[in-house]
Protein backbone atom coordinates (compact mmCIF):
# COMPACT_ATOMS: atom_id res chain seq x y z
CA MET A 1 10.30 -10.89 -0.14
CA ARG A 2 13.51 -13.62 -0.18
CA PRO A 3 17.10 -11.24 -0.46
CA GLU A 4 18.12 -14.64 -2.70
CA ALA A 5 14.76 -13.93 -4.88
CA LEU A 6 16.69 -10.43 -5.94
CA TYR A 7 19.22 -11.91 -7.93
CA LYS A 8 18.81 -10.68 -11.71
CA LYS A 9 15.94 -8.56 -10.77
CA ARG A 10 15.22 -5.65 -12.54
CA VAL A 11 14.72 -2.72 -9.93
CA THR A 12 14.89 0.82 -10.44
CA VAL A 13 15.42 3.28 -7.51
CA VAL A 14 13.82 6.39 -7.32
CA GLY A 15 16.20 8.85 -5.50
CA GLY A 16 20.04 9.51 -5.74
CA ALA A 17 20.42 11.13 -1.72
CA ARG A 18 21.09 8.85 1.23
CA SER A 19 18.42 6.18 1.20
CA GLY A 20 18.67 5.90 -2.54
CA LEU A 21 21.72 5.45 -3.24
CA ALA A 22 22.02 2.91 0.49
CA VAL A 23 19.42 0.56 -1.12
CA ALA A 24 21.24 0.60 -4.36
CA ARG A 25 24.00 -0.81 -3.15
CA LEU A 26 22.35 -3.24 -0.75
CA LEU A 27 20.73 -4.37 -3.79
CA ARG A 28 23.62 -4.94 -6.06
CA LYS A 29 25.21 -6.65 -3.34
CA ALA A 30 22.46 -9.22 -3.35
CA GLY A 31 22.87 -9.18 -7.60
CA ALA A 32 19.81 -7.24 -8.87
CA GLN A 33 20.58 -5.04 -11.77
CA VAL A 34 19.97 -1.47 -10.01
CA PHE A 35 19.12 1.54 -12.60
CA LEU A 36 18.86 4.68 -10.57
CA THR A 37 16.60 7.35 -11.79
CA GLU A 38 17.11 11.01 -9.98
CA GLN A 39 15.05 14.18 -11.09
CA LYS A 40 18.27 16.73 -9.74
CA ALA A 41 21.46 16.70 -11.69
CA ALA A 42 24.23 14.54 -10.31
CA ALA A 43 26.32 16.10 -6.97
CA ALA A 44 29.90 15.77 -7.35
CA GLY A 45 31.39 12.15 -8.02
CA LEU A 46 28.00 10.67 -7.97
CA GLU A 47 28.14 8.82 -11.68
CA ALA A 48 31.96 7.68 -10.77
CA MET A 49 30.64 6.13 -7.54
CA LEU A 50 27.45 4.29 -9.11
CA ASP A 51 29.70 3.76 -12.01
CA ALA A 52 31.90 1.69 -9.47
CA LEU A 53 29.26 -0.29 -7.94
CA GLY A 54 27.73 -1.08 -11.39
CA VAL A 55 24.45 0.64 -11.40
CA ARG A 56 22.95 2.09 -14.39
CA TYR A 57 21.41 5.72 -14.09
CA GLU A 58 19.72 8.87 -15.15
CA PHE A 59 20.15 12.51 -13.61
CA GLY A 60 17.78 15.88 -14.78
CA GLY A 61 14.76 14.06 -14.96
CA HIS A 62 12.70 10.58 -14.88
CA THR A 63 11.87 8.39 -18.50
CA VAL A 64 10.24 5.77 -19.73
CA ARG A 65 13.35 3.70 -18.84
CA ALA A 66 12.90 3.93 -15.15
CA LEU A 67 9.93 1.58 -16.12
CA GLU A 68 11.81 -1.22 -17.31
CA ALA A 69 11.57 -2.92 -14.08
CA ASP A 70 10.74 -6.01 -12.02
CA LEU A 71 9.67 -3.71 -9.07
CA MET A 72 10.63 -0.13 -7.97
CA VAL A 73 11.91 1.48 -4.76
CA VAL A 74 11.44 5.03 -3.69
CA SER A 75 13.22 7.25 -1.32
CA PRO A 76 11.20 9.01 1.64
CA GLY A 77 11.80 12.61 -0.13
CA VAL A 78 9.59 11.13 -3.56
CA PRO A 79 6.16 11.60 -3.40
CA SER A 80 3.79 8.96 -4.42
CA THR A 81 2.02 11.39 -6.29
CA ILE A 82 4.86 11.80 -8.89
CA PRO A 83 3.73 10.43 -12.59
CA LEU A 84 6.84 7.72 -12.48
CA VAL A 85 5.73 6.07 -9.57
CA VAL A 86 1.61 6.10 -10.66
CA GLN A 87 2.66 4.96 -13.80
CA ALA A 88 4.47 2.09 -11.94
CA LEU A 89 1.45 1.49 -10.00
CA ARG A 90 -1.07 1.58 -12.86
CA THR A 91 1.39 -1.18 -14.86
CA GLY A 92 1.11 -3.42 -11.77
CA ILE A 93 5.03 -3.00 -11.46
CA PRO A 94 5.82 -3.14 -6.97
CA VAL A 95 6.57 -0.05 -5.43
CA TYR A 96 8.50 -0.32 -2.11
CA SER A 97 10.22 1.76 0.55
CA GLU A 98 14.23 1.84 1.02
CA ILE A 99 13.01 0.50 4.46
CA GLU A 100 10.92 -2.56 3.27
CA VAL A 101 13.39 -3.63 1.16
CA ALA A 102 16.58 -3.47 4.20
CA SER A 103 13.87 -5.84 6.24
CA TRP A 104 14.18 -8.42 3.74
CA PHE A 105 17.67 -8.74 5.08
CA CYS A 106 17.71 -7.90 8.74
CA GLN A 107 18.51 -10.93 11.41
CA ALA A 108 17.58 -8.80 13.92
CA PRO A 109 14.42 -7.66 15.77
CA ILE A 110 13.30 -4.57 14.80
CA VAL A 111 12.27 -1.64 17.64
CA ALA A 112 10.03 1.25 14.97
CA VAL A 113 9.25 4.36 16.55
CA THR A 114 6.70 7.04 14.37
CA GLY A 115 4.71 9.78 15.12
CA THR A 116 4.23 13.53 14.39
CA ASN A 117 6.72 14.72 16.88
CA GLY A 118 9.33 13.07 19.23
CA LYS A 119 10.49 10.42 16.69
CA THR A 120 14.05 11.33 16.96
CA THR A 121 14.21 11.87 20.26
CA THR A 122 12.65 8.88 21.17
CA THR A 123 14.63 6.54 18.88
CA SER A 124 17.94 8.10 20.15
CA LEU A 125 16.80 7.64 23.72
CA ILE A 126 15.57 3.53 23.10
CA GLY A 127 19.04 3.15 21.41
CA HIS A 128 21.01 4.70 24.22
CA ILE A 129 19.00 2.40 26.76
CA PHE A 130 19.67 -0.73 24.56
CA ARG A 131 23.47 0.28 24.33
CA GLN A 132 23.54 1.02 28.66
CA SER A 133 22.24 -2.71 28.11
CA GLY A 134 25.30 -4.39 26.79
CA ARG A 135 23.39 -5.09 23.91
CA ARG A 136 24.69 -4.67 20.44
CA THR A 137 22.51 -1.52 18.80
CA ILE A 138 21.74 -0.37 15.56
CA VAL A 139 20.39 3.35 15.39
CA ALA A 140 19.20 4.29 11.92
CA GLY A 141 16.04 5.36 9.40
CA ASN A 142 14.59 8.16 9.33
CA ILE A 143 16.96 9.67 11.89
CA GLY A 144 19.81 10.57 9.53
CA TYR A 145 21.50 6.89 8.68
CA PRO A 146 19.75 4.13 5.69
CA PHE A 147 18.67 1.32 7.31
CA SER A 148 20.01 -0.22 4.31
CA ASP A 149 23.82 0.35 4.85
CA TYR A 150 23.74 -1.30 8.08
CA VAL A 151 21.60 -4.15 7.47
CA LEU A 152 23.86 -7.07 6.71
CA ASP A 153 25.79 -6.18 9.61
CA THR A 154 22.79 -7.65 11.87
CA THR A 155 22.30 -10.77 13.56
CA PRO A 156 19.66 -12.54 15.88
CA ASP A 157 21.31 -11.07 18.85
CA ASP A 158 21.83 -7.09 18.07
CA VAL A 159 18.33 -4.83 18.27
CA VAL A 160 17.98 -2.33 15.33
CA VAL A 161 15.86 0.81 16.25
CA LEU A 162 13.98 2.46 13.46
CA GLU A 163 13.04 6.13 13.50
CA VAL A 164 10.22 5.48 10.29
CA SER A 165 8.61 8.19 8.90
CA SER A 166 5.05 8.31 7.20
CA PHE A 167 6.89 8.84 3.44
CA GLN A 168 8.96 5.49 4.41
CA LEU A 169 5.96 3.61 5.51
CA ASP A 170 4.02 4.75 2.31
CA HIS A 171 5.01 1.49 0.29
CA VAL A 172 5.70 -1.00 2.89
CA ALA A 173 4.76 -4.70 2.64
CA THR A 174 5.91 -7.03 4.87
CA PHE A 175 7.98 -4.83 6.95
CA ARG A 176 7.12 -5.84 10.58
CA PRO A 177 8.71 -4.84 13.79
CA ARG A 178 8.65 -7.17 16.92
CA VAL A 179 7.96 -3.57 19.05
CA SER A 180 6.41 -0.73 17.48
CA VAL A 181 6.01 2.69 18.77
CA LEU A 182 3.62 5.57 18.12
CA LEU A 183 4.48 8.35 19.77
CA ASN A 184 1.18 11.36 18.66
CA LEU A 185 -0.60 12.35 15.65
CA THR A 186 -1.00 16.30 14.82
CA PRO A 187 -1.45 17.67 11.02
CA ASP A 188 1.68 17.73 9.05
CA HIS A 189 2.90 16.77 5.79
CA LEU A 190 -0.63 16.87 4.59
CA ASP A 191 0.11 18.51 1.19
CA ARG A 192 1.57 15.05 0.47
CA TYR A 193 -1.48 13.43 1.55
CA ASN A 194 -3.91 15.34 -0.20
CA TYR A 195 -4.48 17.72 3.08
CA SER A 196 -6.29 14.77 4.50
CA PHE A 197 -5.38 13.76 8.17
CA ASN A 198 -6.95 10.58 7.57
CA GLU A 199 -4.89 9.53 4.88
CA TYR A 200 -1.43 11.16 6.53
CA ALA A 201 -2.79 8.87 9.75
CA GLN A 202 -3.71 5.73 8.09
CA SER A 203 0.33 6.46 6.71
CA LYS A 204 1.18 6.00 10.48
CA PHE A 205 -0.93 2.98 11.15
CA ARG A 206 1.12 1.18 8.61
CA ILE A 207 3.98 0.88 11.27
CA PHE A 208 2.05 -2.00 13.12
CA ALA A 209 -0.11 -3.44 10.03
CA ASN A 210 1.82 -6.61 9.98
CA GLN A 211 2.34 -7.05 13.42
CA CYS A 212 1.02 -10.45 14.99
CA ASP A 213 -0.21 -11.28 18.81
CA GLN A 214 3.91 -12.17 18.95
CA ASP A 215 4.21 -8.34 18.41
CA VAL A 216 3.74 -5.40 20.97
CA LEU A 217 2.41 -2.11 19.49
CA VAL A 218 3.57 0.42 22.39
CA TYR A 219 1.12 3.60 21.86
CA ASN A 220 0.09 6.53 23.26
CA HIS A 221 -3.32 5.65 25.35
CA ASP A 222 -3.79 9.79 25.67
CA ASP A 223 -4.09 10.14 21.72
CA VAL A 224 -7.70 8.98 21.28
CA LEU A 225 -7.16 8.24 17.73
CA ILE A 226 -3.76 6.40 18.15
CA ARG A 227 -5.68 4.68 21.05
CA SER A 228 -8.86 3.41 19.24
CA ALA A 229 -6.59 2.18 16.12
CA ALA A 230 -4.48 0.05 18.71
CA GLU A 231 -7.84 -1.15 20.45
CA ARG A 232 -9.15 -1.80 17.22
CA ALA A 233 -6.10 -4.07 16.23
CA HIS A 234 -5.86 -5.40 19.64
CA GLN A 235 -9.57 -7.18 18.85
CA LYS A 236 -9.29 -7.89 15.53
CA ARG A 237 -5.81 -9.51 15.10
CA GLY A 238 -4.92 -10.53 18.86
CA LEU A 239 -1.58 -7.56 18.53
CA ARG A 240 -0.26 -7.12 22.11
CA ILE A 241 -0.92 -3.62 22.74
CA LEU A 242 0.50 -2.00 25.83
CA GLY A 243 -0.32 2.27 26.34
CA PHE A 244 1.40 4.99 28.08
CA SER A 245 -0.41 7.98 29.63
CA GLN A 246 0.22 11.25 31.26
CA LYS A 247 -3.69 11.17 32.15
CA GLU A 248 -4.72 7.92 34.00
CA GLU A 249 -3.30 4.64 34.98
CA LEU A 250 -3.73 1.69 32.60
CA SER A 251 -3.81 -2.08 33.37
CA ALA A 252 -1.18 -2.52 30.85
CA GLY A 253 2.16 0.10 30.00
CA ALA A 254 3.27 2.98 32.37
CA PHE A 255 1.86 5.71 33.44
CA VAL A 256 2.61 8.77 35.58
CA ARG A 257 1.16 8.73 39.55
CA GLU A 258 2.18 11.59 41.88
CA GLY A 259 4.88 12.23 39.69
CA TYR A 260 6.22 8.72 39.57
CA LEU A 261 6.84 6.56 36.34
CA VAL A 262 4.86 3.31 36.96
CA PHE A 263 5.20 0.15 34.89
CA ARG A 264 1.76 -1.92 34.76
CA ILE A 265 3.04 -5.29 32.48
CA ASP A 266 1.83 -8.91 32.84
CA LYS A 267 -0.53 -7.57 35.81
CA GLN A 268 3.05 -6.99 37.81
CA GLU A 269 3.45 -3.23 39.12
CA GLU A 270 6.68 -1.69 39.28
CA VAL A 271 7.62 2.04 40.31
CA LEU A 272 10.54 3.24 37.82
CA MET A 273 11.54 6.76 39.07
CA HIS A 274 10.36 10.48 39.55
CA ALA A 275 10.32 12.37 36.73
CA ASP A 276 12.45 15.01 38.44
CA LYS A 277 15.20 12.33 37.44
CA LEU A 278 14.61 12.55 33.86
CA ALA A 279 17.24 13.61 32.14
CA LEU A 280 14.73 15.34 29.33
CA ARG A 281 12.24 18.22 30.34
CA GLY A 282 8.78 19.24 29.28
CA ARG A 283 5.45 17.00 28.76
CA HIS A 284 6.33 15.95 25.76
CA ASN A 285 9.62 14.22 26.79
CA LEU A 286 7.78 13.04 29.73
CA TYR A 287 6.12 10.81 26.87
CA ASN A 288 8.61 10.07 24.99
CA SER A 289 10.58 8.61 28.37
CA LEU A 290 7.08 6.72 29.02
CA ALA A 291 7.32 5.03 25.32
CA ALA A 292 10.60 4.55 25.26
CA ALA A 293 10.62 2.66 28.66
CA VAL A 294 8.15 0.57 28.06
CA ALA A 295 9.51 -0.47 24.39
CA ALA A 296 13.09 -1.20 26.82
CA ARG A 297 11.05 -3.61 29.30
CA VAL A 298 9.22 -5.31 26.30
CA MET A 299 12.32 -6.27 25.50
CA GLU A 300 13.44 -7.45 28.77
CA VAL A 301 15.81 -4.91 29.20
CA ARG A 302 16.21 -4.69 33.50
CA ASN A 303 14.57 -1.47 35.03
CA ASP A 304 17.73 -0.76 37.32
CA VAL A 305 19.22 -0.19 33.45
CA VAL A 306 16.39 1.97 32.16
CA ARG A 307 16.31 4.08 34.84
CA GLU A 308 20.34 5.08 34.73
CA SER A 309 19.60 5.36 30.83
CA LEU A 310 16.21 7.92 31.68
CA ALA A 311 18.61 9.91 33.95
CA SER A 312 21.99 10.30 31.84
CA PHE A 313 20.60 10.66 28.18
CA GLU A 314 21.73 13.89 26.70
CA GLY A 315 18.98 14.26 23.99
CA VAL A 316 19.44 14.90 20.34
CA PRO A 317 20.95 17.75 18.57
CA HIS A 318 18.41 20.76 17.15
CA ARG A 319 15.74 19.68 19.49
CA LEU A 320 15.73 22.02 22.23
CA GLU A 321 19.11 21.67 22.37
CA PHE A 322 20.99 24.83 25.05
CA VAL A 323 23.72 26.24 22.79
CA ARG A 324 25.41 29.14 25.45
CA GLU A 325 23.95 31.90 27.98
CA LEU A 326 25.26 35.34 27.29
CA ASP A 327 24.16 38.65 29.43
CA GLY A 328 21.56 35.95 31.32
CA VAL A 329 19.83 34.97 28.41
CA ARG A 330 19.48 31.27 27.50
CA TYR A 331 19.34 30.40 23.08
CA ILE A 332 18.06 27.22 22.32
CA ASN A 333 18.32 25.46 19.30
CA ASP A 334 15.12 23.71 18.36
CA SER A 335 15.09 23.64 14.31
CA LYS A 336 13.41 19.84 14.18
CA ALA A 337 10.52 21.68 14.75
CA THR A 338 9.02 21.84 11.63
CA ASN A 339 5.30 22.14 12.63
CA VAL A 340 3.11 23.38 14.88
CA ASN A 341 2.47 20.64 17.13
CA ALA A 342 6.24 20.74 18.19
CA VAL A 343 6.46 23.95 18.61
CA TRP A 344 3.66 23.80 21.18
CA TYR A 345 5.60 21.86 23.05
CA ALA A 346 8.29 23.82 23.18
CA LEU A 347 6.86 27.03 24.46
CA GLU A 348 5.04 24.85 27.05
CA SER A 349 8.52 23.78 28.05
CA PHE A 350 9.81 26.95 29.27
CA SER A 351 8.21 29.10 32.24
CA CYS A 352 10.54 32.42 31.55
CA PRO A 353 9.45 35.17 28.56
CA ILE A 354 10.63 33.63 25.01
CA VAL A 355 12.12 35.67 22.38
CA LEU A 356 10.81 33.24 19.17
CA ILE A 357 12.99 33.32 16.31
CA ALA A 358 10.25 31.39 13.47
CA GLY A 359 9.08 30.76 9.76
CA GLY A 360 10.47 29.28 6.77
CA ARG A 361 8.50 27.17 4.13
CA ASP A 362 5.25 26.93 5.32
CA LYS A 363 3.09 23.54 5.16
CA GLY A 364 -0.32 24.66 5.45
CA ASN A 365 0.07 25.53 9.17
CA ASP A 366 -2.80 26.66 11.21
CA TYR A 367 -1.19 28.37 14.11
CA THR A 368 -4.50 28.85 15.88
CA VAL A 369 -3.20 25.99 18.60
CA LEU A 370 -0.31 28.48 19.58
CA LYS A 371 -2.10 31.61 20.30
CA PRO A 372 -2.72 31.19 23.68
CA LEU A 373 1.26 30.15 24.58
CA VAL A 374 2.28 32.60 22.29
CA ALA A 375 0.13 35.37 24.21
CA GLU A 376 1.41 34.28 27.45
CA LYS A 377 4.72 33.38 26.97
CA VAL A 378 6.53 35.70 23.77
CA ARG A 379 7.77 38.82 24.48
CA ALA A 380 8.90 38.90 20.98
CA LEU A 381 8.70 37.70 17.57
CA VAL A 382 11.25 37.30 14.66
CA ALA A 383 9.70 36.46 11.72
CA ILE A 384 12.06 34.61 8.63
CA GLY A 385 11.49 32.81 5.49
CA GLU A 386 8.71 32.60 3.14
CA SER A 387 6.40 32.56 5.84
CA ALA A 388 7.45 35.94 7.64
CA ASP A 389 3.89 37.40 6.45
CA LYS A 390 2.10 35.10 7.33
CA LEU A 391 3.50 34.41 10.93
CA MET A 392 3.44 38.55 11.47
CA ALA A 393 -0.51 38.40 10.84
CA GLU A 394 -1.01 35.81 12.58
CA LEU A 395 0.78 36.01 15.95
CA GLY A 396 2.36 39.30 15.59
CA PRO A 397 -0.58 41.10 17.00
CA LEU A 398 -0.08 38.41 20.23
CA VAL A 399 3.04 39.87 21.42
CA PRO A 400 4.88 43.06 22.55
CA HIS A 401 7.25 43.27 19.45
CA ALA A 402 7.25 41.83 15.90
CA VAL A 403 9.20 42.19 13.48
CA LYS A 404 10.60 40.73 10.04
CA ALA A 405 14.23 39.48 9.54
CA GLN A 406 16.22 38.72 6.14
CA SER A 407 18.61 36.13 7.25
CA MET A 408 19.64 34.20 10.32
CA GLU A 409 22.46 37.05 11.13
CA GLU A 410 19.59 39.57 11.23
CA ALA A 411 16.91 37.44 13.13
CA ILE A 412 19.87 36.98 16.05
CA ARG A 413 20.80 40.39 16.09
CA TYR A 414 16.85 41.23 16.76
CA ALA A 415 16.44 38.78 19.13
CA ARG A 416 19.40 39.93 21.09
CA LEU A 417 18.15 43.52 21.16
CA PHE A 418 14.74 42.64 22.53
CA ALA A 419 15.78 39.52 25.11
CA GLU A 420 15.87 40.63 28.65
CA PRO A 421 18.20 38.25 31.50
CA GLY A 422 16.53 35.25 32.34
CA ASP A 423 14.52 35.02 28.91
CA VAL A 424 14.99 32.25 26.00
CA VAL A 425 16.29 33.07 22.63
CA LEU A 426 14.23 29.95 20.86
CA LEU A 427 14.63 28.95 17.23
CA SER A 428 11.88 26.83 16.72
CA PRO A 429 10.62 27.73 12.98
CA ALA A 430 7.30 25.49 12.49
CA CYS A 431 8.34 24.96 9.00
CA ALA A 432 10.58 23.70 6.62
CA SER A 433 14.06 25.10 5.92
CA PHE A 434 13.78 24.28 2.29
CA ASP A 435 13.36 28.44 1.63
CA MET A 436 16.49 29.63 3.25
CA PHE A 437 18.30 26.00 3.77
CA GLU A 438 19.44 22.65 2.40
CA ASN A 439 17.32 21.16 5.85
CA TYR A 440 17.28 21.78 9.54
CA GLU A 441 20.34 20.33 10.34
CA GLU A 442 22.06 22.96 8.44
CA ARG A 443 19.37 25.56 9.40
CA GLY A 444 20.57 25.07 13.65
CA ASP A 445 24.21 24.97 12.67
CA THR A 446 23.55 28.17 11.28
CA PHE A 447 22.03 29.26 14.29
CA ARG A 448 24.43 27.60 16.85
CA ARG A 449 27.11 29.32 14.85
CA LEU A 450 25.99 32.87 14.83
CA VAL A 451 25.22 32.29 18.27
CA MET A 452 28.57 31.29 19.06
CA SER A 453 29.98 34.25 17.87
CA LEU A 454 27.83 36.91 19.40
């Protein structure tokens, strides 16, 4: 839809958090008649803000008023299965995500990143590369900055780098990145997808559903499911695909040869740099760096800029973030590890003994894949939150010490007791934070604050 077509359209925005407010503001600027509906009570000052924007609203539940609309926009936190969204779809009201609507206004090319793990790191890294190249860059999306807040400032000379979740992709129609990046796929958020990994994967694949032969899909060649989907898109639609791999040399994309990152694009081979020079450590971050390098190269960033950027990037908060060293023990904040696969990568990154703080709101986790690494590397397990009993039962018998803690403060006290010089105390929860904290950021900030107070 073109932005001018929104003038005087009746639009219902479902969800009154950051994305909902941002898209409501954007729609009002386009002249739409906006109604915002939110299940929770209004936050302080929110009603006054909406009044000033000219947005009508309801809080504390969804009523039939929300269905008096020409189209509906849902925030990422709103499941597609709630009665309001189901009824809208049943009655023929188009339902869109916030990034879909924002993309209608975007004048800049979009590089969009998705995957189960590594999205935030890779998105931030790509943004860092573009900024180092001197190009005006907007980094937004699931990373915490709604696309709608920035899209009106875009020009054709800019570049937009978006972190995109499966929830944001559930209701796209015309969203078309110039470059899409698909990092990996492991079970996550299955409670939102009828506990079907296939449904979750199909949601992720929407990131390249509208791309054509002028666009590029950068994909993880080592992930069989992703590789198959990429190759089908290439065969059916002529979509240009460039892989990245740590396991084999590719005819098109990036790979690792004898420790060096190598490009092979347009039948030209170039050695970029040795993996030891990367700022980000660990096998998972080698994948993230390969993906970011290919995406930047596709957008014509020079190799020397890519190389320098990969060597200078400082990482993102709450993702294997070093907090401090105390009494010979390093404290690492990996609060963003909200699923089992993310914890696997975290454990795989360390060669020293680990005191693991894990737990929270379980999302149907299967901890089987973690058990060999836990048995090999974890000196002690400190279980927190609603899933503490499950963690104790599944992983507790594999380690020398295992204990439940009632708070983050108590967990850190236990961790300090178990840790020995040379160890790592690692907060890597494998779970959502909502049982004890507002979000994973608050959980990580609390861990960081308590560790710094020791």
